[in-house]
């Protein structure tokens, strides 16, 4: 028996979706907790709170001080316990959405996610990532269900910095590069279909990302933003736990152990992780097509502004011991990296971390040396 939390109960998407969502939100809650974090979106959240109040909802506001971490969760749990809130409305980026989902899960409350960027698909999924107060990845928590309501308002998402969409594109593209490796040979029909959806998603992003970035709000932008914020989550829901992340996200998790990487977005680290995974497939797995894919992605990511090297991640000065820490974390026994079809050691990851932009000619010379 397999259980799949495939999708939110209701998804409202498009220009003005927030206003359209208010009646549905009223049906879910009389006293919502409005959760956010960043100073950049505070005025936006104040408007959301005002809209809720105009609907005669008693709004309690709370803000994360860090990422989705247990100290913040404990503090906000106390607010939930004493305020009588009956729902969590999480409005923000991926870590806010994860925190909102996890709080609703732990308290048995209705959950509403309102992404303010297309940087991740966290508004969709039944999963929450836990970080330390310092921003280091610690683990993930599978939730019983996806949110009760997902509001993907194009006007809210469009106001986010362009960098967030580029990050979301990279994160969404990882679905193909990871699922095809971990699940490409699966005999499970739903998993097969999820893998093929991931391929179509990658192809659409390769074709339309440039146009989307150049014309916010245009037709390509809508398709790419929804692909990053919605479709990527659907693929994870249909594929379930068997349609796994592999090395790209494992590398992200390792990079978060270094404080110097925290200025970069989740998808930026995942995008770099794709290049690391392809390098591992190329060198350790002997897969020439992986090398070709890596060389295809390099100019694409560079055009989007997604980091393709340790230097671009701000880790040029990282010590050998720091990079060894990244590699060791990525190779933890419970790491998804081990869904690669070959054994990988921390030393292999370390070598891949420093050679994401290596040309095929250099690789050939090295192999012949």
Protein backbone atom coordinates (compact mmCIF):
# COMPACT_ATOMS: atom_id res chain seq x y z
CA UNK A 1 0.00 0.00 0.00
CA UNK A 2 1.39 3.39 -1.03
CA UNK A 3 0.08 6.73 0.15
CA UNK A 4 0.41 9.81 -2.06
CA UNK A 5 -0.35 13.35 -0.94
CA UNK A 6 -0.69 14.55 -4.51
CA UNK A 7 -2.07 18.08 -4.49
CA UNK A 8 -3.68 20.87 -2.48
CA UNK A 9 -7.44 20.48 -2.04
CA UNK A 10 -8.00 23.73 -3.97
CA UNK A 11 -5.59 25.68 -6.19
CA UNK A 12 -6.45 29.22 -7.26
CA UNK A 13 -4.06 30.68 -9.81
CA UNK A 14 -3.96 33.78 -11.94
CA UNK A 15 -4.06 37.55 -11.71
CA UNK A 16 -6.07 38.57 -8.66
CA UNK A 17 -6.27 35.04 -7.25
CA UNK A 18 -5.91 36.35 -3.69
CA UNK A 19 -9.15 38.33 -3.85
CA UNK A 20 -10.87 35.35 -5.47
CA UNK A 21 -9.61 33.16 -2.62
CA UNK A 22 -11.10 35.20 0.22
CA UNK A 23 -14.52 33.47 0.24
CA UNK A 24 -12.83 30.04 0.28
CA UNK A 25 -10.58 31.24 3.06
CA UNK A 26 -13.60 32.37 5.05
CA UNK A 27 -14.99 28.88 4.78
CA UNK A 28 -11.79 27.45 6.23
CA UNK A 29 -11.16 29.90 9.05
CA UNK A 30 -12.52 32.52 11.38
CA UNK A 31 -9.25 33.25 13.19
CA UNK A 32 -6.22 32.67 10.96
CA UNK A 33 -2.58 33.05 11.90
CA UNK A 34 -0.85 35.01 9.12
CA UNK A 35 2.76 33.85 8.98
CA UNK A 36 5.60 35.62 7.17
CA UNK A 37 9.21 36.52 7.57
CA UNK A 38 11.09 39.03 5.48
CA UNK A 39 11.05 42.81 5.76
CA UNK A 40 10.73 42.95 1.98
CA UNK A 41 7.24 41.42 2.05
CA UNK A 42 5.96 43.07 5.24
CA UNK A 43 3.86 45.73 3.49
CA UNK A 44 2.41 43.02 1.27
CA UNK A 45 1.45 40.95 4.33
CA UNK A 46 -0.09 44.01 5.97
CA UNK A 47 -2.34 44.34 2.92
CA UNK A 48 -3.25 40.65 3.12
CA UNK A 49 -4.08 41.09 6.81
CA UNK A 50 -6.26 44.09 6.02
CA UNK A 51 -8.10 42.10 3.33
CA UNK A 52 -8.74 39.30 5.84
CA UNK A 53 -9.94 41.76 8.48
CA UNK A 54 -12.37 43.31 6.02
CA UNK A 55 -13.93 39.85 5.74
CA UNK A 56 -14.49 39.89 9.51
CA UNK A 57 -11.68 37.45 10.18
CA UNK A 58 -9.71 37.93 13.41
CA UNK A 59 -6.12 37.92 12.19
CA UNK A 60 -3.11 37.12 14.37
CA UNK A 61 0.23 37.92 12.69
CA UNK A 62 3.54 36.21 13.39
CA UNK A 63 6.98 36.31 11.79
CA UNK A 64 9.80 33.83 11.56
CA UNK A 65 13.11 35.13 12.85
CA UNK A 66 15.14 32.48 11.02
CA UNK A 67 14.49 29.79 8.44
CA UNK A 68 12.05 26.98 9.19
CA UNK A 69 13.75 25.99 12.46
CA UNK A 70 12.55 24.38 15.66
CA UNK A 71 13.14 27.43 17.88
CA UNK A 72 10.89 29.56 15.67
CA UNK A 73 8.36 26.76 15.37
CA UNK A 74 8.19 26.37 19.15
CA UNK A 75 7.64 30.10 19.64
CA UNK A 76 4.88 30.28 17.03
CA UNK A 77 3.33 27.05 18.32
CA UNK A 78 2.88 28.84 21.63
CA UNK A 79 1.08 31.67 19.84
CA UNK A 80 -1.19 29.15 18.13
CA UNK A 81 -1.93 27.41 21.41
CA UNK A 82 -2.87 30.59 23.28
CA UNK A 83 -4.60 32.60 20.54
CA UNK A 84 -7.30 30.17 19.47
CA UNK A 85 -6.26 30.32 15.80
CA UNK A 86 -8.02 27.80 13.59
CA UNK A 87 -5.83 28.00 10.47
CA UNK A 88 -2.37 28.97 9.30
CA UNK A 89 -2.02 31.27 6.29
CA UNK A 90 1.64 31.23 5.23
CA UNK A 91 2.60 34.06 2.88
CA UNK A 92 6.19 34.19 1.68
CA UNK A 93 9.01 32.15 0.22
CA UNK A 94 9.70 28.46 0.57
CA UNK A 95 10.88 28.44 4.16
CA UNK A 96 7.84 30.42 5.34
CA UNK A 97 5.55 28.08 3.42
CA UNK A 98 7.30 25.03 4.90
CA UNK A 99 6.98 26.45 8.41
CA UNK A 100 3.29 27.21 7.89
CA UNK A 101 2.58 23.71 6.59
CA UNK A 102 4.45 22.08 9.46
CA UNK A 103 2.74 24.21 12.10
CA UNK A 104 -0.69 23.41 10.65
CA UNK A 105 0.24 19.73 10.54
CA UNK A 106 1.38 19.67 14.15
CA UNK A 107 -1.67 21.55 15.44
CA UNK A 108 -4.26 19.85 13.23
CA UNK A 109 -5.27 23.14 11.60
CA UNK A 110 -6.33 24.16 8.12
CA UNK A 111 -3.41 25.30 5.96
CA UNK A 112 -3.33 28.01 3.29
CA UNK A 113 -0.18 28.77 1.31
CA UNK A 114 0.31 32.08 -0.51
CA UNK A 115 3.63 32.06 -2.39
CA UNK A 116 5.13 35.51 -2.91
CA UNK A 117 7.61 34.22 -5.50
CA UNK A 118 8.05 31.26 -7.84
CA UNK A 119 11.38 30.34 -6.25
CA UNK A 120 10.19 26.88 -5.10
CA UNK A 121 7.18 24.58 -5.22
CA UNK A 122 6.86 24.61 -1.41
CA UNK A 123 3.36 26.08 -1.64
CA UNK A 124 2.17 22.79 -3.17
CA UNK A 125 3.95 19.94 -1.42
CA UNK A 126 3.28 17.77 1.63
CA UNK A 127 6.86 18.19 2.80
CA UNK A 128 8.73 20.62 5.06
CA UNK A 129 12.48 21.12 5.34
CA UNK A 130 13.92 21.83 8.78
CA UNK A 131 16.96 24.07 9.24
CA UNK A 132 19.02 25.14 12.20
CA UNK A 133 18.67 28.70 13.50
CA UNK A 134 21.93 29.38 11.63
CA UNK A 135 20.42 28.19 8.33
CA UNK A 136 21.96 24.71 8.02
CA UNK A 137 19.73 21.97 6.64
CA UNK A 138 18.88 19.34 9.26
CA UNK A 139 16.23 17.12 7.68
CA UNK A 140 12.77 16.98 6.16
CA UNK A 141 9.34 16.04 7.47
CA UNK A 142 6.68 14.28 5.39
CA UNK A 143 3.21 15.70 6.09
CA UNK A 144 -0.14 13.93 6.01
CA UNK A 145 -1.53 16.10 3.24
CA UNK A 146 -0.91 19.02 0.94
CA UNK A 147 -2.36 22.44 1.87
CA UNK A 148 -6.12 22.91 1.96
CA UNK A 149 -5.80 25.98 -0.27
CA UNK A 150 -2.96 27.24 -2.46
CA UNK A 151 -3.28 30.79 -3.76
CA UNK A 152 -0.85 31.48 -6.63
CA UNK A 153 -1.61 35.11 -7.41
CA UNK A 154 0.41 36.27 -10.40
CA UNK A 155 0.45 39.84 -9.10
CA UNK A 156 2.00 38.76 -5.81
CA UNK A 157 4.52 36.48 -7.51
CA UNK A 158 5.47 39.04 -10.15
CA UNK A 159 6.60 41.59 -7.55
CA UNK A 160 9.41 39.28 -6.40
CA UNK A 161 12.98 39.96 -7.61
CA UNK A 162 13.80 38.27 -10.97
CA UNK A 163 16.46 36.24 -9.19
CA UNK A 164 13.71 34.28 -7.42
CA UNK A 165 12.24 33.07 -10.70
CA UNK A 166 15.67 32.02 -11.97
CA UNK A 167 16.10 30.08 -8.73
CA UNK A 168 12.71 28.44 -9.18
CA UNK A 169 13.59 27.42 -12.73
CA UNK A 170 16.76 25.70 -11.54
CA UNK A 171 14.93 23.97 -8.69
CA UNK A 172 12.17 22.74 -11.02
CA UNK A 173 14.65 21.46 -13.59
CA UNK A 174 16.19 19.26 -10.92
CA UNK A 175 13.01 17.17 -11.03
CA UNK A 176 14.12 15.65 -14.34
CA UNK A 177 17.80 15.24 -13.58
CA UNK A 178 17.08 13.56 -10.25
CA UNK A 179 13.89 11.57 -10.98
CA UNK A 180 15.23 10.17 -14.26
CA UNK A 181 18.21 8.72 -12.37
CA UNK A 182 16.39 7.42 -9.30
CA UNK A 183 13.13 6.35 -10.95
CA UNK A 184 13.66 6.15 -14.70
CA UNK A 185 13.56 2.34 -14.62
CA UNK A 186 10.59 2.13 -12.25
CA UNK A 187 7.78 -0.28 -13.14
CA UNK A 188 5.25 1.84 -11.22
CA UNK A 189 2.93 3.57 -13.67
CA UNK A 190 2.46 6.75 -11.64
CA UNK A 191 6.21 7.08 -11.14
CA UNK A 192 6.82 6.55 -14.87
CA UNK A 193 4.32 9.29 -15.65
CA UNK A 194 5.87 11.65 -13.10
CA UNK A 195 9.31 11.13 -14.65
CA UNK A 196 7.95 11.94 -18.11
CA UNK A 197 6.20 15.03 -16.76
CA UNK A 198 9.57 16.10 -15.35
CA UNK A 199 11.13 15.75 -18.79
CA UNK A 200 8.42 17.87 -20.40
CA UNK A 201 8.84 20.43 -17.62
CA UNK A 202 12.58 20.65 -18.23
CA UNK A 203 12.06 21.07 -21.98
CA UNK A 204 9.55 23.86 -21.48
CA UNK A 205 11.88 25.69 -19.12
CA UNK A 206 14.80 25.36 -21.53
CA UNK A 207 12.63 26.81 -24.30
CA UNK A 208 10.86 29.61 -22.44
CA UNK A 209 13.00 30.70 -19.47
CA UNK A 210 14.78 33.47 -21.37
CA UNK A 211 11.51 34.97 -22.65
CA UNK A 212 9.94 34.64 -19.19
CA UNK A 213 12.79 36.47 -17.50
CA UNK A 214 12.76 39.23 -20.11
CA UNK A 215 8.99 39.83 -20.01
CA UNK A 216 7.55 39.56 -16.47
CA UNK A 217 3.81 39.01 -16.64
CA UNK A 218 3.88 37.86 -20.27
CA UNK A 219 2.56 34.53 -21.51
CA UNK A 220 5.92 32.77 -21.21
CA UNK A 221 6.38 34.22 -17.72
CA UNK A 222 3.02 32.79 -16.62
CA UNK A 223 3.89 29.34 -17.94
CA UNK A 224 7.37 29.35 -16.42
CA UNK A 225 6.30 30.75 -13.06
CA UNK A 226 3.51 28.19 -12.77
CA UNK A 227 5.85 25.42 -13.91
CA UNK A 228 8.26 26.33 -11.13
CA UNK A 229 5.73 27.02 -8.39
CA UNK A 230 3.01 24.48 -9.24
CA UNK A 231 3.92 21.79 -11.78
CA UNK A 232 7.14 20.88 -10.00
CA UNK A 233 5.09 20.20 -6.87
CA UNK A 234 2.56 18.12 -8.81
CA UNK A 235 5.36 15.92 -10.15
CA UNK A 236 6.57 15.28 -6.63
CA UNK A 237 3.03 14.49 -5.52
CA UNK A 238 2.32 12.02 -8.32
CA UNK A 239 5.74 10.39 -8.10
CA UNK A 240 5.64 10.21 -4.31
CA UNK A 241 8.53 9.05 -2.18
CA UNK A 242 9.70 6.68 -4.91
CA UNK A 243 10.30 9.54 -7.36
CA UNK A 244 13.16 10.83 -5.30
CA UNK A 245 15.57 13.68 -5.12
CA UNK A 246 19.13 12.50 -5.65
CA UNK A 247 22.46 14.33 -5.62
CA UNK A 248 21.36 17.84 -6.64
CA UNK A 249 19.38 18.36 -3.44
CA UNK A 250 21.94 16.44 -1.38
CA UNK A 251 24.58 18.92 -2.53
CA UNK A 252 22.25 21.79 -1.60
CA UNK A 253 21.89 20.29 1.86
CA UNK A 254 25.65 20.04 2.21
CA UNK A 255 26.23 23.59 1.02
CA UNK A 256 23.86 24.96 3.65
CA UNK A 257 26.28 23.74 6.32
CA UNK A 258 28.57 26.62 5.28
CA UNK A 259 27.49 30.07 6.42
CA UNK A 260 29.08 31.62 3.34
CA UNK A 261 26.45 29.94 1.13
CA UNK A 262 23.44 31.39 2.98
CA UNK A 263 23.22 34.49 0.80
CA UNK A 264 22.23 32.24 -2.10
CA UNK A 265 18.70 30.98 -2.67
CA UNK A 266 17.59 27.35 -2.38
CA UNK A 267 17.22 26.88 -6.13
CA UNK A 268 20.57 28.49 -6.83
CA UNK A 269 22.28 25.86 -4.69
CA UNK A 270 20.14 23.11 -6.21
CA UNK A 271 21.04 24.29 -9.72
CA UNK A 272 24.71 24.06 -8.84
CA UNK A 273 23.92 20.65 -7.36
CA UNK A 274 22.54 19.50 -10.73
CA UNK A 275 25.91 20.27 -12.28
CA UNK A 276 27.66 18.36 -9.49
CA UNK A 277 25.36 15.37 -9.98
CA UNK A 278 25.94 15.36 -13.74
CA UNK A 279 29.69 15.56 -13.10
CA UNK A 280 29.43 12.50 -10.84
CA UNK A 281 27.44 10.62 -13.48
CA UNK A 282 29.99 11.64 -16.10
CA UNK A 283 33.17 10.75 -14.21
CA UNK A 284 32.16 8.06 -11.72
CA UNK A 285 29.28 6.57 -13.71
CA UNK A 286 31.01 6.84 -17.07
CA UNK A 287 27.94 8.46 -18.65
CA UNK A 288 28.94 10.59 -21.63
CA UNK A 289 25.39 11.90 -22.02
CA UNK A 290 25.63 13.36 -18.53
CA UNK A 291 28.65 15.33 -19.64
CA UNK A 292 26.74 16.59 -22.65
CA UNK A 293 23.82 17.61 -20.43
CA UNK A 294 26.14 19.47 -18.07
CA UNK A 295 27.69 21.41 -20.93
CA UNK A 296 24.19 22.23 -22.21
CA UNK A 297 23.14 23.58 -18.81
CA UNK A 298 26.22 25.71 -18.17
CA UNK A 299 25.38 28.56 -20.61
CA UNK A 300 21.67 28.27 -19.74
CA UNK A 301 22.32 28.74 -16.03
CA UNK A 302 24.86 31.49 -16.70
CA UNK A 303 22.29 33.40 -18.73
CA UNK A 304 19.80 33.10 -15.86
CA UNK A 305 22.40 34.15 -13.29
CA UNK A 306 22.35 30.78 -11.52
CA UNK A 307 25.79 29.99 -10.00
CA UNK A 308 27.75 27.35 -11.90
CA UNK A 309 30.91 27.25 -9.76
CA UNK A 310 32.03 27.48 -6.16
CA UNK A 311 33.41 30.94 -6.94
CA UNK A 312 29.99 32.15 -8.11
CA UNK A 313 28.46 30.67 -4.95
CA UNK A 314 30.78 32.90 -2.92
CA UNK A 315 32.91 29.94 -1.83
CA UNK A 316 36.13 30.75 -3.68
CA UNK A 317 37.88 31.22 -0.33
CA UNK A 318 36.33 28.14 1.27
CA UNK A 319 38.94 25.97 2.95
CA UNK A 320 39.52 22.36 2.00
CA UNK A 321 38.09 21.27 5.35
CA UNK A 322 34.93 23.34 4.71
CA UNK A 323 34.41 21.70 1.31
CA UNK A 324 35.07 18.31 2.87
CA UNK A 325 32.28 19.09 5.35
CA UNK A 326 29.92 19.80 2.43
CA UNK A 327 30.88 16.53 0.73
CA UNK A 328 30.58 14.51 3.93
CA UNK A 329 27.11 15.90 4.68
CA UNK A 330 25.97 15.20 1.11
CA UNK A 331 27.13 11.59 1.56
CA UNK A 332 25.50 10.94 4.94
CA UNK A 333 24.12 7.38 5.14
CA UNK A 334 20.53 8.65 4.91
CA UNK A 335 21.28 11.03 2.03
CA UNK A 336 19.26 10.86 -1.18
CA UNK A 337 22.58 11.03 -3.02
CA UNK A 338 22.81 7.28 -2.58
CA UNK A 339 19.97 6.80 -5.05
CA UNK A 340 22.60 7.26 -7.74
CA UNK A 341 23.12 3.90 -9.49
CA UNK A 342 26.76 3.74 -8.39
CA UNK A 343 28.68 4.16 -5.15
CA UNK A 344 29.88 7.68 -4.33
CA UNK A 345 32.41 8.65 -1.69
CA UNK A 346 32.90 12.12 -0.16
CA UNK A 347 36.14 12.42 -2.12
CA UNK A 348 34.15 11.97 -5.35
CA UNK A 349 31.74 14.73 -4.36
CA UNK A 350 34.64 16.99 -3.43
CA UNK A 351 36.19 16.47 -6.86
CA UNK A 352 32.86 17.16 -8.56
CA UNK A 353 32.29 20.33 -6.51
CA UNK A 354 35.44 21.91 -7.91
CA UNK A 355 35.00 20.75 -11.52
CA UNK A 356 31.44 21.72 -12.51
CA UNK A 357 32.69 23.92 -15.36
CA UNK A 358 35.41 21.55 -16.56
CA UNK A 359 35.41 21.04 -20.31
CA UNK A 360 35.07 17.62 -21.88
CA UNK A 361 38.55 17.99 -23.34
CA UNK A 362 40.02 18.50 -19.90
CA UNK A 363 38.18 15.44 -18.67
CA UNK A 364 39.46 13.36 -21.59
CA UNK A 365 43.03 14.47 -20.92
CA UNK A 366 42.64 13.63 -17.26
CA UNK A 367 41.29 10.19 -18.02
CA UNK A 368 44.21 9.50 -20.37
CA UNK A 369 46.84 10.76 -17.97
